Protein backbone atom coordinates (compact mmCIF):
# COMPACT_ATOMS: atom_id res chain seq x y z
CA MET A 1 83.18 141.56 86.58
CA THR A 2 83.19 141.48 82.43
CA GLU A 3 79.93 144.52 82.07
CA PRO A 4 77.03 142.91 79.81
CA GLU A 5 76.86 143.34 76.05
CA GLN A 6 74.97 146.27 74.98
CA PRO A 7 73.72 147.11 72.07
CA SER A 8 75.03 149.22 69.31
CA SER A 9 74.45 151.94 68.58
CA SER A 10 73.37 151.44 64.47
CA ALA A 11 70.40 149.02 66.53
CA GLY A 12 68.11 152.07 66.60
CA PRO A 13 66.54 153.44 64.16
CA SER A 14 68.90 155.30 62.24
CA GLY A 15 71.27 152.40 62.28
CA ALA A 16 68.24 150.15 60.33
CA ALA A 17 67.89 152.66 57.91
CA ASP A 18 69.26 151.36 55.11
CA LEU A 19 66.89 148.14 55.75
CA ASP A 20 64.17 147.92 53.55
CA ALA A 21 60.88 148.16 55.30
CA GLU A 22 59.85 144.54 56.25
CA ALA A 23 63.42 144.20 57.60
CA ARG A 24 62.43 147.43 59.44
CA LYS A 25 59.48 146.59 61.37
CA ILE A 26 60.89 143.38 62.39
CA ALA A 27 63.96 144.95 63.99
CA SER A 28 62.09 148.04 65.60
CA GLY A 29 60.01 145.55 67.37
CA TYR A 30 63.35 144.48 69.44
CA ALA A 31 64.83 148.02 69.71
CA PHE A 32 64.18 148.15 73.66
CA PRO A 33 65.35 151.04 75.72
CA GLY A 34 65.69 148.74 78.65
CA PRO A 35 68.74 146.24 79.25
CA ALA A 36 68.30 142.77 76.65
CA LEU A 37 70.11 139.83 76.50
CA GLU A 38 71.77 139.53 72.89
CA LEU A 39 70.90 136.68 70.77
CA GLY A 40 72.25 137.25 67.66
CA ALA A 41 71.26 139.17 63.67
CA LEU A 42 68.16 139.56 61.95
CA LEU A 43 68.71 137.17 58.93
CA HIS A 44 66.24 138.75 55.61
CA GLY A 45 66.41 138.51 52.51
CA GLY A 46 69.50 135.71 52.11
CA ARG A 47 71.65 137.91 54.46
CA CYS A 48 72.49 138.68 58.28
CA LEU A 49 72.04 141.82 59.35
CA PRO A 50 74.21 143.03 62.28
CA GLU A 51 72.37 146.45 62.42
CA ALA A 52 69.15 144.11 63.25
CA PRO A 53 70.15 142.60 66.41
CA VAL A 54 67.65 140.29 68.27
CA ARG A 55 67.18 140.56 72.22
CA ILE A 56 65.03 139.88 74.84
CA PRO A 57 64.53 142.27 77.61
CA LEU A 58 66.21 141.27 80.63
CA GLY A 59 62.99 141.90 82.73
CA MET A 60 60.80 139.59 80.66
CA LEU A 61 62.98 136.59 81.16
CA ASN A 62 60.77 135.71 84.06
CA ARG A 63 57.36 135.00 81.50
CA HIS A 64 59.56 131.69 80.68
CA GLY A 65 60.35 130.34 77.18
CA LEU A 66 60.99 127.22 75.04
CA VAL A 67 64.17 126.09 73.74
CA ALA A 68 63.56 123.94 70.77
CA GLY A 69 64.55 121.91 67.95
CA ALA A 70 66.29 118.94 66.50
CA THR A 71 68.90 116.90 67.63
CA GLY A 72 72.53 119.19 66.02
CA THR A 73 70.97 122.33 65.50
CA GLY A 74 72.46 124.10 68.63
CA LYS A 75 70.07 124.26 71.62
CA THR A 76 72.79 123.53 74.14
CA LYS A 77 74.69 126.27 72.84
CA THR A 78 71.71 128.75 73.13
CA LEU A 79 71.64 127.81 76.26
CA GLN A 80 75.36 128.54 77.19
CA LEU A 81 74.94 132.17 75.64
CA VAL A 82 71.45 133.28 77.51
CA ALA A 83 73.19 131.41 80.67
CA GLU A 84 76.54 133.52 80.06
CA GLN A 85 74.18 137.05 80.05
CA LEU A 86 72.45 136.49 82.70
CA SER A 87 75.35 135.71 84.33
CA ALA A 88 76.65 138.70 83.94
CA ASN A 89 73.70 140.67 84.34
CA GLY A 90 73.86 138.98 87.99
CA VAL A 91 70.93 136.53 87.54
CA PRO A 92 71.54 133.26 88.66
CA VAL A 93 71.24 130.43 86.14
CA PHE A 94 70.55 126.71 86.68
CA LEU A 95 71.02 124.28 83.66
CA ALA A 96 70.79 120.63 83.70
CA ASP A 97 73.77 119.10 81.04
CA MET A 98 72.23 116.21 80.13
CA LYS A 99 75.28 115.50 77.86
CA GLY A 100 78.25 116.92 79.73
CA ASP A 101 79.28 119.60 77.36
CA LEU A 102 78.37 122.89 79.59
CA SER A 103 80.68 121.94 82.10
CA GLY A 104 82.58 124.15 79.20
CA ILE A 105 80.92 127.52 80.95
CA ALA A 106 83.20 127.47 83.66
CA ALA A 107 85.93 127.96 81.61
CA PRO A 108 87.23 130.46 79.32
CA GLY A 109 86.57 130.28 75.67
CA GLN A 110 89.29 129.14 72.94
CA GLY A 111 89.00 131.75 69.30
CA GLY A 112 89.37 130.50 66.44
CA GLU A 113 89.25 131.97 62.35
CA LYS A 114 85.52 130.38 61.82
CA LEU A 115 84.28 131.90 65.42
CA VAL A 116 85.87 135.31 64.54
CA GLU A 117 84.08 135.27 61.68
CA ARG A 118 80.91 134.30 63.14
CA ALA A 119 81.30 137.22 65.40
CA ALA A 120 81.42 139.63 63.10
CA GLN A 121 78.73 138.63 61.18
CA VAL A 122 76.20 139.26 63.64
CA GLY A 123 77.84 142.47 65.06
CA GLN A 124 79.54 140.33 67.98
CA GLU A 125 82.64 142.01 69.86
CA TRP A 126 83.81 138.19 71.05
CA GLN A 127 86.20 137.76 73.69
CA ALA A 128 87.08 134.54 75.73
CA GLU A 129 85.33 134.56 79.40
CA GLY A 130 84.69 132.08 81.91
CA PHE A 131 81.95 132.16 84.38
CA PRO A 132 81.13 131.60 88.51
CA ALA A 133 80.15 127.94 88.25
CA GLU A 134 78.71 125.31 90.88
CA PHE A 135 78.72 121.58 89.82
CA TYR A 136 75.62 118.79 91.17
CA ALA A 137 74.99 115.38 90.33
CA LEU A 138 71.65 113.60 91.60
CA GLY A 139 72.50 111.49 94.13
CA GLY A 140 76.65 111.87 94.13
CA VAL A 141 76.22 109.94 91.03
CA GLY A 142 79.12 111.79 88.81
CA HIS A 143 81.22 115.06 89.16
CA GLY A 144 79.32 117.22 91.33
CA VAL A 145 78.49 118.35 94.77
CA PRO A 146 75.58 115.32 95.38
CA VAL A 147 71.95 116.30 95.53
CA ARG A 148 69.54 114.48 97.34
CA ALA A 149 65.51 114.95 98.09
CA THR A 150 63.99 113.42 101.41
CA VAL A 151 61.07 110.67 100.14
CA THR A 152 58.38 113.13 101.99
CA ASP A 153 59.34 116.17 100.29
CA PHE A 154 59.17 114.23 97.02
CA GLY A 155 55.45 114.08 97.65
CA PRO A 156 53.63 111.12 96.25
CA VAL A 157 52.75 112.44 93.15
CA LEU A 158 56.29 112.85 91.57
CA LEU A 159 57.23 109.79 93.28
CA SER A 160 54.23 108.14 91.48
CA LYS A 161 55.42 109.88 87.90
CA VAL A 162 58.95 108.09 88.80
CA LEU A 163 57.77 104.84 89.88
CA ARG A 164 55.29 104.73 86.90
CA LEU A 165 52.21 104.12 88.99
CA ASN A 166 48.78 104.19 87.88
CA ARG A 167 46.18 106.12 88.96
CA THR A 168 44.65 103.84 91.68
CA GLN A 169 47.83 103.13 92.77
CA GLU A 170 48.96 106.79 93.02
CA GLN A 171 45.89 107.19 94.96
CA SER A 172 47.31 104.90 97.51
CA LEU A 173 50.42 106.33 97.68
CA GLY A 174 49.16 109.09 98.65
CA LEU A 175 47.48 107.60 101.22
CA ILE A 176 50.49 105.97 102.94
CA PHE A 177 51.82 109.19 102.86
CA HIS A 178 49.16 110.91 104.52
CA TYR A 179 49.26 107.92 107.28
CA ALA A 180 53.00 108.67 107.38
CA ASP A 181 52.84 112.11 108.43
CA ALA A 182 49.41 111.67 110.38
CA LYS A 183 52.17 109.25 113.07
CA GLY A 184 55.14 111.33 112.22
CA LEU A 185 56.31 108.62 110.81
CA GLU A 186 59.11 109.95 108.77
CA LEU A 187 60.10 109.00 105.08
CA VAL A 188 63.50 110.13 104.10
CA ASP A 189 64.70 106.91 101.98
CA LEU A 190 63.06 104.00 100.01
CA LYS A 191 63.39 101.71 102.85
CA ASP A 192 61.41 104.02 104.83
CA LEU A 193 58.64 103.94 102.37
CA ARG A 194 58.84 99.92 101.44
CA ALA A 195 58.92 99.99 105.83
CA VAL A 196 55.15 102.07 105.45
CA VAL A 197 54.22 100.23 103.14
CA ALA A 198 55.04 97.18 104.46
CA PHE A 199 53.47 97.63 107.93
CA LEU A 200 50.10 98.83 106.31
CA VAL A 201 49.09 95.18 104.85
CA SER A 202 50.56 92.99 107.85
CA ASP A 203 48.26 91.67 110.48
CA THR A 204 49.11 94.77 112.87
CA GLY A 205 49.17 97.35 110.12
CA LYS A 206 45.67 96.82 108.32
CA PRO A 207 43.46 98.21 110.44
CA GLU A 208 44.97 101.46 110.57
CA LEU A 209 43.69 102.93 107.73
CA LYS A 210 40.27 100.92 107.15
CA GLY A 211 38.50 104.15 108.51
CA ILE A 212 39.76 106.51 104.86
CA GLY A 213 39.51 103.38 102.82
CA GLY A 214 42.58 101.20 103.12
CA LEU A 215 44.95 99.50 101.56
CA SER A 216 44.72 96.51 99.26
CA THR A 217 47.44 93.49 99.14
CA ALA A 218 47.46 93.77 95.54
CA THR A 219 48.50 97.24 95.52
CA ALA A 220 51.04 96.84 98.45
CA GLY A 221 52.48 94.37 96.66
CA VAL A 222 52.56 96.54 92.92
CA ILE A 223 53.92 99.73 95.54
CA LEU A 224 56.20 97.65 96.79
CA ARG A 225 57.73 95.87 93.46
CA ALA A 226 58.08 99.06 91.93
CA ILE A 227 60.43 100.19 94.73
CA THR A 228 62.40 97.07 94.87
CA ALA A 229 63.16 97.75 90.56
CA PHE A 230 63.83 101.09 91.39
CA GLU A 231 66.20 100.37 93.94
CA GLN A 232 68.47 98.33 92.31
CA GLN A 233 68.72 100.19 89.11
CA GLY A 234 70.76 102.25 92.09
CA ALA A 235 68.11 104.84 92.32
CA GLY A 236 68.19 104.44 95.86
CA ASP A 237 71.26 107.09 96.21
CA PHE A 238 69.04 109.84 95.41
CA PHE A 239 66.31 109.75 98.23
CA GLY A 240 67.83 110.40 101.35
CA GLU A 241 69.51 112.89 103.39
CA PRO A 242 71.04 116.16 103.81
CA GLU A 243 68.36 117.05 101.95
CA PHE A 244 69.34 119.58 99.00
CA ASP A 245 68.27 123.14 99.87
CA THR A 246 66.87 124.67 96.69
CA SER A 247 67.97 128.40 97.59
CA GLU A 248 71.61 127.45 96.80
CA LEU A 249 70.63 127.78 93.45
CA LEU A 250 69.91 131.84 94.39
CA ARG A 251 73.72 132.57 94.80
CA THR A 252 75.67 135.39 93.04
CA ALA A 253 79.50 135.51 93.13
CA PRO A 254 81.54 137.98 95.38
CA ASP A 255 81.74 139.82 92.44
CA GLY A 256 78.12 140.66 91.68
CA ARG A 257 77.36 137.71 88.89
CA GLY A 258 75.08 135.02 89.01
CA VAL A 259 76.18 131.21 89.78
CA VAL A 260 75.69 129.13 87.07
CA SER A 261 74.36 125.98 88.80
CA VAL A 262 75.66 123.18 86.52
CA LEU A 263 73.56 119.52 87.24
CA GLU A 264 75.46 117.32 85.86
CA LEU A 265 72.89 114.36 84.47
CA PRO A 266 75.50 111.96 82.32
CA GLY A 267 75.73 109.25 85.26
CA VAL A 268 72.01 108.76 85.28
CA GLN A 269 71.06 108.82 80.90
CA ASP A 270 69.19 105.71 81.35
CA LYS A 271 67.00 107.02 84.17
CA PRO A 272 64.98 109.47 81.88
CA GLN A 273 61.82 109.60 84.61
CA LEU A 274 64.12 109.84 87.39
CA PHE A 275 66.24 113.12 86.69
CA SER A 276 63.27 114.97 84.92
CA THR A 277 61.44 114.65 87.47
CA PHE A 278 63.86 115.54 89.84
CA LEU A 279 64.24 118.86 87.57
CA MET A 280 60.30 119.50 88.97
CA TRP A 281 61.23 118.48 92.06
CA LEU A 282 64.20 121.53 92.27
CA LEU A 283 61.23 123.58 90.36
CA ALA A 284 58.32 123.10 92.86
CA ASP A 285 60.28 123.10 96.02
CA LEU A 286 61.31 126.25 94.76
CA TYR A 287 58.06 127.87 94.18
CA ALA A 288 56.72 125.81 97.58
CA ASP A 289 59.93 128.04 99.57
CA LEU A 290 60.14 131.56 97.85
CA PRO A 291 57.85 134.57 98.60
CA GLU A 292 55.71 136.53 96.16
CA VAL A 293 57.42 138.95 94.39
CA GLY A 294 55.69 140.44 91.64
CA ASP A 295 57.28 141.46 88.48
CA LEU A 296 60.90 142.81 88.74
CA ASP A 297 63.63 144.56 86.74
CA ARG A 298 65.30 140.90 86.20
CA PRO A 299 64.07 137.33 87.25
CA LYS A 300 65.88 135.89 90.85
CA LEU A 301 66.45 133.00 88.86
CA VAL A 302 66.20 131.40 84.95
CA PHE A 303 65.57 127.85 85.36
CA PHE A 304 66.65 126.00 82.43
CA PHE A 305 65.02 122.46 81.88
CA ASP A 306 66.46 119.95 78.71
CA GLU A 307 64.77 116.65 77.60
CA ALA A 308 61.72 118.16 79.13
CA HIS A 309 59.81 116.24 77.03
CA LEU A 310 60.86 113.33 79.15
CA LEU A 311 58.63 115.12 82.01
CA PHE A 312 55.17 114.77 80.08
CA ASN A 313 55.78 111.10 78.50
CA GLY A 314 52.85 108.89 80.61
CA ALA A 315 51.95 111.36 82.61
CA SER A 316 49.06 111.49 84.84
CA GLU A 317 46.62 114.03 84.94
CA ASP A 318 47.17 114.45 88.55
CA PHE A 319 50.97 115.44 87.15
CA LEU A 320 50.12 117.23 84.53
CA GLU A 321 47.82 119.64 86.39
CA ALA A 322 50.84 120.37 89.51
CA VAL A 323 53.44 121.15 86.78
CA THR A 324 50.83 123.47 84.92
CA ARG A 325 50.13 125.26 88.38
CA THR A 326 53.62 125.81 89.46
CA VAL A 327 54.91 127.03 86.08
CA ARG A 328 52.21 129.42 86.13
CA LEU A 329 52.22 131.20 89.52
CA ILE A 330 56.47 131.03 89.65
CA ARG A 331 56.47 133.92 87.22
CA SER A 332 55.10 135.51 90.40
CA LYS A 333 58.13 134.20 92.95
CA GLY A 334 60.30 136.03 90.26
CA VAL A 335 61.55 132.46 88.58
CA GLY A 336 61.68 131.93 84.86
CA VAL A 337 61.72 128.50 83.09
CA PHE A 338 62.64 127.79 79.52
CA PHE A 339 61.99 123.96 78.21
CA VAL A 340 64.33 122.56 76.04
CA THR A 341 62.86 119.52 73.69
CA GLN A 342 62.92 118.75 69.94
CA THR A 343 59.50 120.47 69.18
CA PRO A 344 56.61 122.42 71.25
CA LYS A 345 53.94 119.50 70.46
CA ASP A 346 56.62 117.28 73.24
CA VAL A 347 55.28 120.32 75.92
CA PRO A 348 51.28 119.81 76.85
CA GLY A 349 49.29 122.91 75.40
CA ASP A 350 48.15 124.18 78.47
CA VAL A 351 52.31 124.27 79.86
CA LEU A 352 52.69 126.29 75.92
CA GLY A 353 50.70 128.74 76.58
CA GLN A 354 52.82 129.94 79.61
CA LEU A 355 55.89 130.70 77.73
CA GLY A 356 55.98 133.37 75.85
CA ASN A 357 59.78 133.50 74.51
CA ARG A 358 60.63 131.25 71.74
CA VAL A 359 63.98 130.30 70.41
CA GLN A 360 63.25 128.04 66.89
CA HIS A 361 66.60 126.30 65.71
CA ALA A 362 65.78 124.28 62.62
CA LEU A 363 63.27 121.01 62.47
CA ARG A 364 63.67 118.17 60.10
CA ALA A 365 61.23 116.86 57.61
CA PHE A 366 62.23 113.56 56.54
CA THR A 367 59.12 111.09 57.82
CA PRO A 368 55.07 112.03 57.48
CA ASP A 369 55.51 112.57 61.47
CA ASP A 370 58.05 114.72 61.03
CA ALA A 371 56.16 117.05 58.60
CA LYS A 372 52.89 117.06 60.78
CA ALA A 373 54.95 117.91 63.66
CA LEU A 374 56.96 120.91 61.85
CA LYS A 375 52.99 122.22 60.71
CA ALA A 376 52.11 122.50 64.30
CA THR A 377 55.13 123.94 65.11
CA VAL A 378 54.26 126.92 62.62
CA ARG A 379 51.06 127.25 63.98
CA THR A 380 52.23 128.36 66.77
CA PHE A 381 54.32 131.43 65.94
CA PRO A 382 52.28 134.95 65.20
CA ASP A 383 51.73 135.36 61.52
CA SER A 384 54.58 136.44 60.00
CA GLY A 385 55.77 137.50 56.59
CA TYR A 386 58.72 134.19 56.45
CA ASP A 387 57.09 130.48 55.07
CA LEU A 388 58.05 129.24 58.23
CA GLU A 389 58.00 125.37 56.78
CA GLU A 390 60.87 126.61 54.30
CA VAL A 391 63.14 128.77 57.16
CA LEU A 392 62.79 125.56 59.68
CA THR A 393 63.63 123.14 57.50
CA SER A 394 66.51 125.56 55.92
CA LEU A 395 68.26 126.84 59.23
CA GLY A 396 71.86 125.99 59.76
CA THR A 397 73.24 124.72 63.19
CA GLY A 398 73.51 128.34 65.15
CA GLU A 399 70.30 130.19 63.54
CA ALA A 400 66.76 130.05 64.85
CA VAL A 401 63.35 131.83 64.42
CA VAL A 402 62.99 133.83 67.14
CA THR A 403 60.47 135.85 69.08
CA VAL A 404 60.22 136.96 72.59
CA LEU A 405 57.49 139.11 74.93
CA SER A 406 58.66 142.94 74.20
CA GLU A 407 58.88 145.31 77.75
CA SER A 408 55.54 145.77 77.43
CA GLY A 409 54.42 141.81 77.65
CA ALA A 410 53.36 141.85 73.56
CA PRO A 411 55.12 139.60 71.42
CA THR A 412 57.86 140.86 68.92
CA PRO A 413 57.54 140.30 65.11
CA VAL A 414 58.89 136.45 64.05
CA ALA A 415 62.68 137.20 63.33
CA ALA A 416 65.15 134.37 61.57
CA THR A 417 67.92 135.57 63.41
CA ARG A 418 72.09 133.95 63.60
CA LEU A 419 72.79 133.72 67.06
CA ARG A 420 75.67 134.97 68.55
CA ALA A 421 78.70 132.96 70.53
CA PRO A 422 79.24 131.82 73.75
CA ARG A 423 82.39 132.99 75.56
CA SER A 424 82.76 130.71 77.78
CA LEU A 425 84.57 127.47 76.39
CA MET A 426 82.01 124.98 74.49
CA GLY A 427 82.72 121.60 75.28
CA PRO A 428 83.30 119.84 78.45
CA VAL A 429 86.02 120.49 80.97
CA GLY A 430 88.23 117.39 82.18
CA ASP A 431 87.40 115.33 84.69
CA ALA A 432 90.33 116.11 86.99
CA ALA A 433 89.51 120.25 86.76
CA LEU A 434 85.83 119.26 87.44
CA ASP A 435 86.34 116.86 90.46
CA ALA A 436 88.52 119.71 91.69
CA ALA A 437 85.89 122.31 91.30
CA VAL A 438 83.75 119.99 93.51
CA ARG A 439 85.78 119.28 95.89
CA SER A 440 86.75 123.07 96.43
CA SER A 441 83.02 124.13 96.39
CA VAL A 442 82.10 125.58 100.09
CA LEU A 443 79.07 123.14 99.84
CA TYR A 444 80.98 119.82 98.97
CA PRO A 445 81.64 119.52 103.40
CA ARG A 446 77.83 120.06 103.91
CA TYR A 447 76.31 117.99 101.24
CA ALA A 448 78.86 114.87 100.22
CA PRO A 449 78.28 113.09 103.53
CA ALA A 450 75.49 110.78 103.19
CA VAL A 451 73.19 110.80 106.88
CA ASP A 452 70.77 107.83 107.74
CA ARG A 453 69.48 109.05 110.98
CA GLU A 454 66.74 107.35 112.69
CA SER A 455 63.40 107.27 110.38
CA ALA A 456 60.35 105.55 109.83
CA TYR A 457 62.20 102.49 109.05
CA GLU A 458 63.75 102.39 112.27
CA ARG A 459 60.88 103.03 114.31
CA LEU A 460 58.47 100.10 112.75
CA THR A 461 61.59 97.65 112.68
CA ALA A 462 62.42 98.85 116.32
CA GLU A 463 58.25 98.33 117.25
CA GLN A 464 58.23 95.10 115.23
CA GLN A 465 60.68 93.85 117.47
CA ALA A 466 59.51 95.48 121.18
CA ALA A 467 55.87 93.70 119.97
CA GLU A 468 57.55 90.24 119.21
CA GLU A 469 59.69 90.86 122.20
CA ALA A 470 56.62 91.19 124.17
CA ALA A 471 54.38 88.60 122.20
CA LEU A 472 57.81 86.33 124.08
CA ARG A 473 57.76 87.26 127.26
CA ALA A 474 53.98 86.88 127.65
CA ALA A 475 54.05 83.52 125.73
CA ARG A 476 56.99 82.73 128.96
CA ASP A 477 54.75 83.94 131.58
CA ALA A 478 51.84 82.34 130.51
CA GLU A 479 53.38 78.81 130.19
CA ALA A 480 54.99 79.81 133.92
CA ALA A 481 51.70 80.29 134.99
CA ARG A 482 50.14 77.21 133.51
CA GLU A 483 53.21 75.24 135.24
CA ALA A 484 52.37 76.42 138.78
CA GLU A 485 48.81 76.01 138.03
CA GLU A 486 49.62 72.78 136.86
CA ALA A 487 52.27 72.22 140.59
CA ALA A 488 49.52 73.67 143.14
CA ALA A 489 46.79 71.48 141.74
CA ARG A 490 49.17 68.29 142.75
CA GLU A 491 49.97 69.56 145.88
CA GLU A 492 45.99 69.57 146.80
CA ARG A 493 45.12 66.82 145.64
CA ALA A 494 48.55 64.93 147.64
CA ALA A 495 46.83 66.71 151.11
CA ARG A 496 43.26 65.26 150.10
CA ALA A 497 45.14 61.96 150.19
CA PRO A 498 45.39 59.48 153.55
CA ARG A 499 49.19 59.38 154.15
CA ARG A 500 50.99 56.19 153.38
CA ASP A 501 54.11 53.97 154.36
CA GLU A 502 55.65 54.31 150.52
CA SER A 503 58.30 51.51 151.43
CA LEU A 504 58.19 48.34 149.55
CA ALA A 505 57.43 46.85 153.08
CA GLY A 506 54.65 48.96 154.25
CA GLN A 507 52.86 48.46 151.15
CA VAL A 508 53.36 44.79 151.74
CA ARG A 509 52.01 45.08 154.92
CA GLY A 510 49.42 47.43 154.27
CA SER A 511 47.73 44.86 151.63
CA GLY A 512 44.59 43.00 152.43
CA LEU A 513 46.06 39.96 150.84
CA PHE A 514 49.24 40.18 153.64
CA THR A 515 46.62 40.06 156.06
CA SER A 516 44.35 38.20 154.65
CA LEU A 517 47.74 35.41 154.61
CA ALA A 518 48.70 36.55 157.96
CA ARG A 519 45.44 35.79 159.80
CA SER A 520 45.23 32.29 158.03
CA VAL A 521 48.93 31.79 158.90
CA GLY A 522 48.20 32.51 162.37
CA THR A 523 45.14 30.41 162.84
CA GLN A 524 46.75 27.20 161.28
CA LEU A 525 49.99 27.37 163.30
CA GLY A 526 47.51 28.03 167.13
CA ARG A 527 46.08 24.82 166.17
CA GLU A 528 49.11 22.66 165.50
CA ILE A 529 50.36 24.16 169.23
CA SER A 530 47.37 22.91 170.74
CA ARG A 531 47.02 19.69 169.08
CA SER A 532 50.80 18.98 169.92
CA LEU A 533 50.00 20.21 173.96
CA PHE A 534 46.48 18.47 173.87
CA GLY A 535 47.58 15.44 172.67
CA THR A 536 45.18 15.83 169.44
CA ALA A 537 48.19 16.11 166.75
CA ARG A 538 48.06 13.90 163.51
CA GLN A 539 50.25 10.92 163.79
CA THR A 540 52.16 9.79 160.75
CA PRO A 541 51.09 6.42 160.46
CA PRO A 542 54.85 3.94 160.89
CA VAL A 543 55.24 2.30 157.20
CA GLY A 544 53.55 -1.17 156.26
CA ARG A 545 50.51 -0.36 158.38
CA PRO A 546 47.62 -0.93 157.06
CA GLU A 547 46.91 3.03 157.62
CA ALA A 548 49.51 4.07 155.51
CA ARG A 549 47.94 1.88 152.56
CA GLY A 550 44.71 3.71 153.27
CA GLY A 551 43.38 0.35 155.36
CA GLY A 552 40.33 2.25 155.38
CA THR A 553 38.34 3.51 158.36
CA ALA A 554 37.87 0.60 160.40
CA GLY A 555 41.57 0.24 160.69
CA ARG A 556 42.22 3.94 161.77
CA THR A 557 38.96 3.07 164.32
CA GLY A 558 40.78 -0.20 166.14
CA GLY A 559 43.35 2.13 166.40
CA ARG A 560 42.13 4.71 168.30
CA ARG A 561 40.33 2.00 170.42
CA ARG A 562 43.17 0.54 171.37
CA GLY A 563 44.82 3.52 172.66
CA LEU A 564 42.35 4.78 174.68
CA ARG A 565 42.31 1.06 176.63
């Protein structure tokens, strides 16, 4: 393990004897007796004064800080410089790597003529050194051990920020989370959340929330559309299991140095709301899990929150309140937070008031808005002998205006500072080396494979299928019962009706017409038989006889008379 750099003997009052009164006053404000990180050397009177080092007490790094400055002024190198020294002092560090430049912290730096010259200017004994690092990636998008969170653990406030919901919609989302928690419906990924929202506006689910305000169909539609759009951006990979245990960020290497956790974010640069809110989730999760420890001689973790302005853009009051509360209280749990952004005005005043350590790189004043931001920045610094408006616009790359908290908690004098150079590689390592480091990590087998266990989606889907099957069975049973009733009714009617010969002959014989006809035929036949037997049968007259021609009654009478005679 490389010992952390200690201030040179010239840093004390005797070493500052040749400085003018103002420079001595500034230098004395940074002459701390306890362990401290070396930031650089004082710039005063147009000169860099290596005998007047600018430092920050190690025990004050849990009082939070701000690293600000225009693009290209050296903020990333400042993060790397501070992270290296924290690691060397046994303090774990978390870095958000927006451009992929910080992966070089794991590899020794490359010396050169300019670097040697700069080291001499600030009184630095530079030597190349790499530091223990662990690389992470949101949802596995990019190079790193996947970092995932469950929707339940992420919570409605942070999720509303990601989905860009308004206050009313945020409150409705909170109601949905409350219902899911009360019913034991685990919201692991986005499909779980979508399933619960869809259920609560269905005919079956609508009554569930009536007693606590209900969920309007319009609001549910907005939330569902936001979730769908979010998934289409590929954000679904960031929610799920196994969920990342934020205690992994507190690890130290076998040699005692703190592990530098680098969250690789180039793969999600087009999703600023997502990664900024995820960083806040990491911080909030740490706050929830860590015990109270009060003031320590060194922090348990220092967390660098890059592109901090993205966290606060469009944030609701509830969100800002949650961030402010977390930042204010996490100090007592041994965690220091440094926000990294372009100007202090990017950070809300309530949060800015918690940041005791300031490293302000150069600002530009090309536009009226730039000039206004510059004046606002100057007002956030303590009074000093510097014309800060001029100094802040004339600082070179790797130079900054610094004020920190002393060991007693009082702010140090404002000091224009030329910063030291990092010892590790100032640039990214190759993709092959990065992938090899990731796959050799002890955390990779634990977090790399995604897990999709039974949760709200599966439960609600199973319940819906069971309800549909039950409804189908009930419909079939009702139809069978109806048919049985109809059959019973038919049988009952058949039992009450007289029995009939259902054959055709029987039907004919049983008809009234047949009976009447049979009776008539029988009567006529009987008459004919009687006439035949008793001589009363009708005789047909011979042809040519008068009777045959209709001779009338007389003819017929005469004939009968003749016969009688």
